[in-house]
Amino acid sequence: MPTQNVNLTPALDRFVKRVVKSGAFNNASEVHRAALTALAREEEERELRLARLRQEIQAGLDSGRPAVIEDPNSFLEDCAAEVMNESKGHSKR
């Protein structure tokens, strides 16, 4: 497995030590892998949300009459939920 040296802020170092001490992780490497996995998942979700938003924009442009979005936050949350459901289906393959 590749090895990388990482410089942490004192606060992050204390956090890593605390979660290892709590028993949530066996060692610092597990904490780092979990954090990077979460970051990668967030990035993938963001990209999927953007793709979905682009699809919706294109569908509106193609229809010639864009839909009115009454609550943009709700619309984005719905898109995110749909993307999450789709990405769960892809990860099982």
PDB file of N, CA and C in Angstrom:
ATOM      1  N   MET A   1       0.845  -1.166   0.000  1.00  0.00           N
ATOM      2  CA  MET A   1       0.000   0.000   0.000  1.00  0.00           C
ATOM      3  C   MET A   1       0.900   1.242   0.000  1.00  0.00           C
ATOM      4  N   PRO A   2       0.611   2.224  -0.855  1.00  0.00           N
ATOM      5  CA  PRO A   2       1.437   3.436  -0.890  1.00  0.00           C
ATOM      6  C   PRO A   2       1.395   4.175   0.444  1.00  0.00           C
ATOM      7  N   THR A   3       2.486   4.833   0.758  1.00  0.00           N
ATOM      8  CA  THR A   3       2.595   5.607   1.989  1.00  0.00           C
ATOM      9  C   THR A   3       2.827   7.065   1.642  1.00  0.00           C
ATOM     10  N   GLN A   4       2.167   7.959   2.381  1.00  0.00           N
ATOM     11  CA  GLN A   4       2.362   9.393   2.219  1.00  0.00           C
ATOM     12  C   GLN A   4       2.531  10.009   3.600  1.00  0.00           C
ATOM     13  N   ASN A   5       3.395  10.965   3.681  1.00  0.00           N
ATOM     14  CA  ASN A   5       3.535  11.723   4.920  1.00  0.00           C
ATOM     15  C   ASN A   5       2.568  12.892   4.877  1.00  0.00           C
ATOM     16  N   VAL A   6       1.886  13.127   5.979  1.00  0.00           N
ATOM     17  CA  VAL A   6       0.891  14.191   6.036  1.00  0.00           C
ATOM     18  C   VAL A   6       1.201  15.092   7.227  1.00  0.00           C
ATOM     19  N   ASN A   7       1.231  16.384   6.994  1.00  0.00           N
ATOM     20  CA  ASN A   7       1.400  17.354   8.080  1.00  0.00           C
ATOM     21  C   ASN A   7       0.021  17.803   8.530  1.00  0.00           C
ATOM     22  N   LEU A   8      -0.261  17.648   9.818  1.00  0.00           N
ATOM     23  CA  LEU A   8      -1.558  18.021  10.372  1.00  0.00           C
ATOM     24  C   LEU A   8      -1.418  19.252  11.251  1.00  0.00           C
ATOM     25  N   THR A   9      -2.500  19.995  11.330  1.00  0.00           N
ATOM     26  CA  THR A   9      -2.533  21.089  12.302  1.00  0.00           C
ATOM     27  C   THR A   9      -2.606  20.452  13.687  1.00  0.00           C
ATOM     28  N   PRO A  10      -2.235  21.178  14.718  1.00  0.00           N
ATOM     29  CA  PRO A  10      -2.353  20.611  16.073  1.00  0.00           C
ATOM     30  C   PRO A  10      -3.774  20.146  16.404  1.00  0.00           C
ATOM     31  N   ALA A  11      -4.766  20.901  15.942  1.00  0.00           N
ATOM     32  CA  ALA A  11      -6.159  20.518  16.217  1.00  0.00           C
ATOM     33  C   ALA A  11      -6.510  19.194  15.534  1.00  0.00           C
ATOM     34  N   LEU A  12      -6.089  19.025  14.290  1.00  0.00           N
ATOM     35  CA  LEU A  12      -6.374  17.768  13.593  1.00  0.00           C
ATOM     36  C   LEU A  12      -5.611  16.609  14.218  1.00  0.00           C
ATOM     37  N   ASP A  13      -4.400  16.847  14.654  1.00  0.00           N
ATOM     38  CA  ASP A  13      -3.618  15.815  15.322  1.00  0.00           C
ATOM     39  C   ASP A  13      -4.326  15.361  16.598  1.00  0.00           C
ATOM     40  N   ARG A  14      -4.833  16.317  17.381  1.00  0.00           N
ATOM     41  CA  ARG A  14      -5.572  15.959  18.608  1.00  0.00           C
ATOM     42  C   ARG A  14      -6.826  15.168  18.263  1.00  0.00           C
ATOM     43  N   PHE A  15      -7.511  15.585  17.193  1.00  0.00           N
ATOM     44  CA  PHE A  15      -8.728  14.879  16.785  1.00  0.00           C
ATOM     45  C   PHE A  15      -8.416  13.432  16.422  1.00  0.00           C
ATOM     46  N   VAL A  16      -7.395  13.218  15.607  1.00  0.00           N
ATOM     47  CA  VAL A  16      -7.018  11.860  15.195  1.00  0.00           C
ATOM     48  C   VAL A  16      -6.696  11.025  16.427  1.00  0.00           C
ATOM     49  N   LYS A  17      -5.895  11.566  17.318  1.00  0.00           N
ATOM     50  CA  LYS A  17      -5.532  10.830  18.534  1.00  0.00           C
ATOM     51  C   LYS A  17      -6.758  10.509  19.380  1.00  0.00           C
ATOM     52  N   ARG A  18      -7.689  11.469  19.460  1.00  0.00           N
ATOM     53  CA  ARG A  18      -8.903  11.261  20.256  1.00  0.00           C
ATOM     54  C   ARG A  18      -9.776  10.143  19.687  1.00  0.00           C
ATOM     55  N   VAL A  19      -9.978  10.126  18.363  1.00  0.00           N
ATOM     56  CA  VAL A  19     -10.850   9.093  17.803  1.00  0.00           C
ATOM     57  C   VAL A  19     -10.186   7.712  17.833  1.00  0.00           C
ATOM     58  N   VAL A  20      -8.874   7.679  17.744  1.00  0.00           N
ATOM     59  CA  VAL A  20      -8.179   6.392  17.884  1.00  0.00           C
ATOM     60  C   VAL A  20      -8.314   5.912  19.329  1.00  0.00           C
ATOM     61  N   LYS A  21      -8.094   6.823  20.275  1.00  0.00           N
ATOM     62  CA  LYS A  21      -8.191   6.474  21.689  1.00  0.00           C
ATOM     63  C   LYS A  21      -9.602   6.019  22.055  1.00  0.00           C
ATOM     64  N   SER A  22     -10.605   6.590  21.391  1.00  0.00           N
ATOM     65  CA  SER A  22     -12.000   6.221  21.675  1.00  0.00           C
ATOM     66  C   SER A  22     -12.327   4.808  21.221  1.00  0.00           C
ATOM     67  N   GLY A  23     -11.475   4.262  20.366  1.00  0.00           N
ATOM     68  CA  GLY A  23     -11.732   2.925  19.852  1.00  0.00           C
ATOM     69  C   GLY A  23     -12.497   2.908  18.545  1.00  0.00           C
ATOM     70  N   ALA A  24     -12.852   4.081  18.040  1.00  0.00           N
ATOM     71  CA  ALA A  24     -13.592   4.152  16.778  1.00  0.00           C
ATOM     72  C   ALA A  24     -12.730   3.677  15.608  1.00  0.00           C
ATOM     73  N   PHE A  25     -11.416   3.867  15.749  1.00  0.00           N
ATOM     74  CA  PHE A  25     -10.467   3.427  14.726  1.00  0.00           C
ATOM     75  C   PHE A  25      -9.296   2.759  15.425  1.00  0.00           C
ATOM     76  N   ASN A  26      -8.636   1.865  14.723  1.00  0.00           N
ATOM     77  CA  ASN A  26      -7.494   1.164  15.302  1.00  0.00           C
ATOM     78  C   ASN A  26      -6.218   1.986  15.287  1.00  0.00           C
ATOM     79  N   ASN A  27      -6.084   2.878  14.292  1.00  0.00           N
ATOM     80  CA  ASN A  27      -4.857   3.672  14.177  1.00  0.00           C
ATOM     81  C   ASN A  27      -5.116   4.908  13.325  1.00  0.00           C
ATOM     82  N   ALA A  28      -4.116   5.782  13.266  1.00  0.00           N
ATOM     83  CA  ALA A  28      -4.254   7.036  12.528  1.00  0.00           C
ATOM     84  C   ALA A  28      -4.486   6.799  11.038  1.00  0.00           C
ATOM     85  N   SER A  29      -3.876   5.766  10.487  1.00  0.00           N
ATOM     86  CA  SER A  29      -4.064   5.494   9.053  1.00  0.00           C
ATOM     87  C   SER A  29      -5.526   5.219   8.727  1.00  0.00           C
ATOM     88  N   GLU A  30      -6.222   4.513   9.612  1.00  0.00           N
ATOM     89  CA  GLU A  30      -7.646   4.244   9.380  1.00  0.00           C
ATOM     90  C   GLU A  30      -8.450   5.545   9.408  1.00  0.00           C
ATOM     91  N   VAL A  31      -8.099   6.447  10.298  1.00  0.00           N
ATOM     92  CA  VAL A  31      -8.781   7.737  10.376  1.00  0.00           C
ATOM     93  C   VAL A  31      -8.565   8.510   9.076  1.00  0.00           C
ATOM     94  N   HIS A  32      -7.330   8.545   8.620  1.00  0.00           N
ATOM     95  CA  HIS A  32      -7.015   9.275   7.388  1.00  0.00           C
ATOM     96  C   HIS A  32      -7.747   8.668   6.193  1.00  0.00           C
ATOM     97  N   ARG A  33      -7.766   7.342   6.102  1.00  0.00           N
ATOM     98  CA  ARG A  33      -8.471   6.690   4.983  1.00  0.00           C
ATOM     99  C   ARG A  33      -9.962   6.996   5.027  1.00  0.00           C
ATOM    100  N   ALA A  34     -10.545   6.958   6.229  1.00  0.00           N
ATOM    101  CA  ALA A  34     -11.976   7.256   6.355  1.00  0.00           C
ATOM    102  C   ALA A  34     -12.274   8.697   5.935  1.00  0.00           C
ATOM    103  N   ALA A  35     -11.403   9.609   6.341  1.00  0.00           N
ATOM    104  CA  ALA A  35     -11.602  11.014   5.976  1.00  0.00           C
ATOM    105  C   ALA A  35     -11.490  11.213   4.470  1.00  0.00           C
ATOM    106  N   LEU A  36     -10.499  10.581   3.860  1.00  0.00           N
ATOM    107  CA  LEU A  36     -10.327  10.719   2.411  1.00  0.00           C
ATOM    108  C   LEU A  36     -11.463  10.047   1.646  1.00  0.00           C
ATOM    109  N   THR A  37     -11.946   8.930   2.169  1.00  0.00           N
ATOM    110  CA  THR A  37     -13.082   8.256   1.542  1.00  0.00           C
ATOM    111  C   THR A  37     -14.315   9.150   1.583  1.00  0.00           C
ATOM    112  N   ALA A  38     -14.543   9.795   2.723  1.00  0.00           N
ATOM    113  CA  ALA A  38     -15.682  10.711   2.843  1.00  0.00           C
ATOM    114  C   ALA A  38     -15.527  11.894   1.897  1.00  0.00           C
ATOM    115  N   LEU A  39     -14.325  12.425   1.789  1.00  0.00           N
ATOM    116  CA  LEU A  39     -14.069  13.539   0.883  1.00  0.00           C
ATOM    117  C   LEU A  39     -14.307  13.124  -0.569  1.00  0.00           C
ATOM    118  N   ALA A  40     -13.847  11.933  -0.932  1.00  0.00           N
ATOM    119  CA  ALA A  40     -14.054  11.435  -2.301  1.00  0.00           C
ATOM    120  C   ALA A  40     -15.541  11.248  -2.580  1.00  0.00           C
ATOM    121  N   ARG A  41     -16.283  10.729  -1.596  1.00  0.00           N
ATOM    122  CA  ARG A  41     -17.728  10.529  -1.754  1.00  0.00           C
ATOM    123  C   ARG A  41     -18.422  11.875  -1.933  1.00  0.00           C
ATOM    124  N   GLU A  42     -18.051  12.865  -1.129  1.00  0.00           N
ATOM    125  CA  GLU A  42     -18.645  14.201  -1.259  1.00  0.00           C
ATOM    126  C   GLU A  42     -18.372  14.792  -2.636  1.00  0.00           C
ATOM    127  N   GLU A  43     -17.157  14.612  -3.129  1.00  0.00           N
ATOM    128  CA  GLU A  43     -16.800  15.132  -4.455  1.00  0.00           C
ATOM    129  C   GLU A  43     -17.631  14.447  -5.543  1.00  0.00           C
ATOM    130  N   GLU A  44     -17.781  13.136  -5.433  1.00  0.00           N
ATOM    131  CA  GLU A  44     -18.584  12.400  -6.413  1.00  0.00           C
ATOM    132  C   GLU A  44     -20.041  12.862  -6.372  1.00  0.00           C
ATOM    133  N   GLU A  45     -20.580  13.035  -5.165  1.00  0.00           N
ATOM    134  CA  GLU A  45     -21.955  13.500  -5.026  1.00  0.00           C
ATOM    135  C   GLU A  45     -22.126  14.889  -5.624  1.00  0.00           C
ATOM    136  N   ARG A  46     -21.151  15.773  -5.383  1.00  0.00           N
ATOM    137  CA  ARG A  46     -21.212  17.125  -5.940  1.00  0.00           C
ATOM    138  C   ARG A  46     -21.222  17.078  -7.464  1.00  0.00           C
ATOM    139  N   GLU A  47     -20.357  16.250  -8.031  1.00  0.00           N
ATOM    140  CA  GLU A  47     -20.311  16.121  -9.489  1.00  0.00           C
ATOM    141  C   GLU A  47     -21.622  15.563 -10.033  1.00  0.00           C
ATOM    142  N   LEU A  48     -22.204  14.595  -9.336  1.00  0.00           N
ATOM    143  CA  LEU A  48     -23.476  14.031  -9.775  1.00  0.00           C
ATOM    144  C   LEU A  48     -24.598  15.056  -9.675  1.00  0.00           C
ATOM    145  N   ARG A  49     -24.592  15.857  -8.598  1.00  0.00           N
ATOM    146  CA  ARG A  49     -25.607  16.908  -8.462  1.00  0.00           C
ATOM    147  C   ARG A  49     -25.491  17.918  -9.587  1.00  0.00           C
ATOM    148  N   LEU A  50     -24.258  18.313  -9.911  1.00  0.00           N
ATOM    149  CA  LEU A  50     -24.058  19.261 -11.006  1.00  0.00           C
ATOM    150  C   LEU A  50     -24.523  18.680 -12.333  1.00  0.00           C
ATOM    151  N   ALA A  51     -24.229  17.422 -12.557  1.00  0.00           N
ATOM    152  CA  ALA A  51     -24.676  16.778 -13.801  1.00  0.00           C
ATOM    153  C   ALA A  51     -26.195  16.765 -13.873  1.00  0.00           C
ATOM    154  N   ARG A  52     -26.842  16.448 -12.753  1.00  0.00           N
ATOM    155  CA  ARG A  52     -28.306  16.427 -12.724  1.00  0.00           C
ATOM    156  C   ARG A  52     -28.869  17.823 -12.973  1.00  0.00           C
ATOM    157  N   LEU A  53     -28.276  18.815 -12.361  1.00  0.00           N
ATOM    158  CA  LEU A  53     -28.732  20.186 -12.549  1.00  0.00           C
ATOM    159  C   LEU A  53     -28.569  20.603 -14.013  1.00  0.00           C
ATOM    160  N   ARG A  54     -27.456  20.220 -14.621  1.00  0.00           N
ATOM    161  CA  ARG A  54     -27.250  20.523 -16.046  1.00  0.00           C
ATOM    162  C   ARG A  54     -28.306  19.829 -16.907  1.00  0.00           C
ATOM    163  N   GLN A  55     -28.659  18.583 -16.553  1.00  0.00           N
ATOM    164  CA  GLN A  55     -29.705  17.862 -17.291  1.00  0.00           C
ATOM    165  C   GLN A  55     -31.028  18.606 -17.195  1.00  0.00           C
ATOM    166  N   GLU A  56     -31.356  19.052 -15.976  1.00  0.00           N
ATOM    167  CA  GLU A  56     -32.620  19.767 -15.782  1.00  0.00           C
ATOM    168  C   GLU A  56     -32.627  21.083 -16.557  1.00  0.00           C
ATOM    169  N   ILE A  57     -31.514  21.780 -16.553  1.00  0.00           N
ATOM    170  CA  ILE A  57     -31.416  23.032 -17.305  1.00  0.00           C
ATOM    171  C   ILE A  57     -31.587  22.758 -18.795  1.00  0.00           C
ATOM    172  N   GLN A  58     -30.904  21.725 -19.290  1.00  0.00           N
ATOM    173  CA  GLN A  58     -31.013  21.393 -20.709  1.00  0.00           C
ATOM    174  C   GLN A  58     -32.431  20.976 -21.067  1.00  0.00           C
ATOM    175  N   ALA A  59     -33.071  20.206 -20.196  1.00  0.00           N
ATOM    176  CA  ALA A  59     -34.460  19.790 -20.461  1.00  0.00           C
ATOM    177  C   ALA A  59     -35.359  21.017 -20.551  1.00  0.00           C
ATOM    178  N   GLY A  60     -35.134  21.987 -19.677  1.00  0.00           N
ATOM    179  CA  GLY A  60     -35.922  23.214 -19.738  1.00  0.00           C
ATOM    180  C   GLY A  60     -35.675  23.982 -21.012  1.00  0.00           C
ATOM    181  N   LEU A  61     -34.426  24.048 -21.419  1.00  0.00           N
ATOM    182  CA  LEU A  61     -34.097  24.752 -22.662  1.00  0.00           C
ATOM    183  C   LEU A  61     -34.682  24.027 -23.868  1.00  0.00           C
ATOM    184  N   ASP A  62     -34.604  22.701 -23.854  1.00  0.00           N
ATOM    185  CA  ASP A  62     -35.124  21.913 -24.976  1.00  0.00           C
ATOM    186  C   ASP A  62     -36.641  22.014 -25.086  1.00  0.00           C
ATOM    187  N   SER A  63     -37.319  22.161 -23.941  1.00  0.00           N
ATOM    188  CA  SER A  63     -38.784  22.206 -23.967  1.00  0.00           C
ATOM    189  C   SER A  63     -39.296  23.539 -24.499  1.00  0.00           C
ATOM    190  N   GLY A  64     -38.445  24.550 -24.492  1.00  0.00           N
ATOM    191  CA  GLY A  64     -38.874  25.858 -24.972  1.00  0.00           C
ATOM    192  C   GLY A  64     -39.600  26.661 -23.915  1.00  0.00           C
ATOM    193  N   ARG A  65     -39.937  26.021 -22.811  1.00  0.00           N
ATOM    194  CA  ARG A  65     -40.619  26.731 -21.736  1.00  0.00           C
ATOM    195  C   ARG A  65     -40.062  26.237 -20.392  1.00  0.00           C
ATOM    196  N   PRO A  66     -39.086  26.928 -19.874  1.00  0.00           N
ATOM    197  CA  PRO A  66     -38.476  26.510 -18.611  1.00  0.00           C
ATOM    198  C   PRO A  66     -39.494  26.443 -17.478  1.00  0.00           C
ATOM    199  N   ALA A  67     -39.327  25.481 -16.606  1.00  0.00           N
ATOM    200  CA  ALA A  67     -40.214  25.330 -15.460  1.00  0.00           C
ATOM    201  C   ALA A  67     -39.833  26.361 -14.396  1.00  0.00           C
ATOM    202  N   VAL A  68     -40.824  26.796 -13.662  1.00  0.00           N
ATOM    203  CA  VAL A  68     -40.590  27.716 -12.556  1.00  0.00           C
ATOM    204  C   VAL A  68     -40.278  26.886 -11.321  1.00  0.00           C
ATOM    205  N   ILE A  69     -39.188  27.199 -10.682  1.00  0.00           N
ATOM    206  CA  ILE A  69     -38.809  26.508  -9.458  1.00  0.00           C
ATOM    207  C   ILE A  69     -39.170  27.418  -8.307  1.00  0.00           C
ATOM    208  N   GLU A  70     -40.195  27.040  -7.568  1.00  0.00           N
ATOM    209  CA  GLU A  70     -40.685  27.876  -6.471  1.00  0.00           C
ATOM    210  C   GLU A  70     -39.709  27.932  -5.308  1.00  0.00           C
ATOM    211  N   ASP A  71     -39.126  26.778  -4.970  1.00  0.00           N
ATOM    212  CA  ASP A  71     -38.218  26.702  -3.824  1.00  0.00           C
ATOM    213  C   ASP A  71     -36.901  26.082  -4.288  1.00  0.00           C
ATOM    214  N   PRO A  72     -35.910  26.907  -4.643  1.00  0.00           N
ATOM    215  CA  PRO A  72     -34.643  26.383  -5.162  1.00  0.00           C
ATOM    216  C   PRO A  72     -33.958  25.411  -4.203  1.00  0.00           C
ATOM    217  N   ASN A  73     -34.014  25.690  -2.901  1.00  0.00           N
ATOM    218  CA  ASN A  73     -33.364  24.791  -1.946  1.00  0.00           C
ATOM    219  C   ASN A  73     -34.015  23.415  -1.948  1.00  0.00           C
ATOM    220  N   SER A  74     -35.335  23.397  -1.979  1.00  0.00           N
ATOM    221  CA  SER A  74     -36.048  22.126  -2.016  1.00  0.00           C
ATOM    222  C   SER A  74     -35.737  21.374  -3.307  1.00  0.00           C
ATOM    223  N   PHE A  75     -35.689  22.100  -4.418  1.00  0.00           N
ATOM    224  CA  PHE A  75     -35.368  21.474  -5.695  1.00  0.00           C
ATOM    225  C   PHE A  75     -33.984  20.833  -5.645  1.00  0.00           C
ATOM    226  N   LEU A  76     -32.995  21.574  -5.112  1.00  0.00           N
ATOM    227  CA  LEU A  76     -31.634  21.040  -5.033  1.00  0.00           C
ATOM    228  C   LEU A  76     -31.563  19.847  -4.083  1.00  0.00           C
ATOM    229  N   GLU A  77     -32.310  19.899  -2.984  1.00  0.00           N
ATOM    230  CA  GLU A  77     -32.341  18.762  -2.059  1.00  0.00           C
ATOM    231  C   GLU A  77     -32.955  17.541  -2.738  1.00  0.00           C
ATOM    232  N   ASP A  78     -34.024  17.747  -3.509  1.00  0.00           N
ATOM    233  CA  ASP A  78     -34.643  16.642  -4.236  1.00  0.00           C
ATOM    234  C   ASP A  78     -33.671  16.055  -5.257  1.00  0.00           C
ATOM    235  N   CYS A  79     -32.956  16.922  -5.960  1.00  0.00           N
ATOM    236  CA  CYS A  79     -31.957  16.455  -6.925  1.00  0.00           C
ATOM    237  C   CYS A  79     -30.874  15.653  -6.215  1.00  0.00           C
ATOM    238  N   ALA A  80     -30.423  16.159  -5.072  1.00  0.00           N
ATOM    239  CA  ALA A  80     -29.374  15.462  -4.316  1.00  0.00           C
ATOM    240  C   ALA A  80     -29.859  14.100  -3.858  1.00  0.00           C
ATOM    241  N   ALA A  81     -31.093  14.019  -3.388  1.00  0.00           N
ATOM    242  CA  ALA A  81     -31.638  12.735  -2.935  1.00  0.00           C
ATOM    243  C   ALA A  81     -31.740  11.755  -4.097  1.00  0.00           C
ATOM    244  N   GLU A  82     -32.180  12.246  -5.240  1.00  0.00           N
ATOM    245  CA  GLU A  82     -32.277  11.382  -6.417  1.00  0.00           C
ATOM    246  C   GLU A  82     -30.904  10.893  -6.857  1.00  0.00           C
ATOM    247  N   VAL A  83     -29.936  11.784  -6.829  1.00  0.00           N
ATOM    248  CA  VAL A  83     -28.571  11.420  -7.202  1.00  0.00           C
ATOM    249  C   VAL A  83     -28.024  10.379  -6.233  1.00  0.00           C
ATOM    250  N   MET A  84     -28.282  10.569  -4.941  1.00  0.00           N
ATOM    251  CA  MET A  84     -27.800   9.616  -3.937  1.00  0.00           C
ATOM    252  C   MET A  84     -28.394   8.238  -4.191  1.00  0.00           C
ATOM    253  N   ASN A  85     -29.673   8.188  -4.506  1.00  0.00           N
ATOM    254  CA  ASN A  85     -30.308   6.909  -4.805  1.00  0.00           C
ATOM    255  C   ASN A  85     -29.700   6.265  -6.043  1.00  0.00           C
ATOM    256  N   GLU A  86     -29.441   7.086  -7.067  1.00  0.00           N
ATOM    257  CA  GLU A  86     -28.819   6.564  -8.287  1.00  0.00           C
ATOM    258  C   GLU A  86     -27.404   6.092  -8.022  1.00  0.00           C
ATOM    259  N   SER A  87     -26.634   6.847  -7.217  1.00  0.00           N
ATOM    260  CA  SER A  87     -25.242   6.458  -6.960  1.00  0.00           C
ATOM    261  C   SER A  87     -25.177   5.190  -6.107  1.00  0.00           C
ATOM    262  N   LYS A  88     -26.140   4.972  -5.240  1.00  0.00           N
ATOM    263  CA  LYS A  88     -26.182   3.728  -4.464  1.00  0.00           C
ATOM    264  C   LYS A  88     -26.391   2.540  -5.387  1.00  0.00           C
ATOM    265  N   GLY A  89     -27.218   2.730  -6.395  1.00  0.00           N
ATOM    266  CA  GLY A  89     -27.466   1.670  -7.372  1.00  0.00           C
ATOM    267  C   GLY A  89     -26.231   1.353  -8.181  1.00  0.00           C
ATOM    268  N   HIS A  90     -25.434   2.397  -8.504  1.00  0.00           N
ATOM    269  CA  HIS A  90     -24.205   2.183  -9.278  1.00  0.00           C
ATOM    270  C   HIS A  90     -23.138   1.506  -8.446  1.00  0.00           C
ATOM    271  N   SER A  91     -23.074   1.804  -7.152  1.00  0.00           N
ATOM    272  CA  SER A  91     -22.014   1.239  -6.317  1.00  0.00           C
ATOM    273  C   SER A  91     -22.234  -0.244  -6.045  1.00  0.00           C
ATOM    274  N   LYS A  92     -23.458  -0.728  -6.226  1.00  0.00           N
ATOM    275  CA  LYS A  92     -23.744  -2.145  -5.987  1.00  0.00           C
ATOM    276  C   LYS A  92     -23.350  -3.019  -7.162  1.00  0.00           C
ATOM    277  N   ARG A  93     -23.048  -2.400  -8.271  1.00  0.00           N
ATOM    278  CA  ARG A  93     -22.718  -3.183  -9.468  1.00  0.00           C
ATOM    279  C   ARG A  93     -21.323  -3.688  -9.451  1.00  0.00           C
TER     280      ARG A  93
END
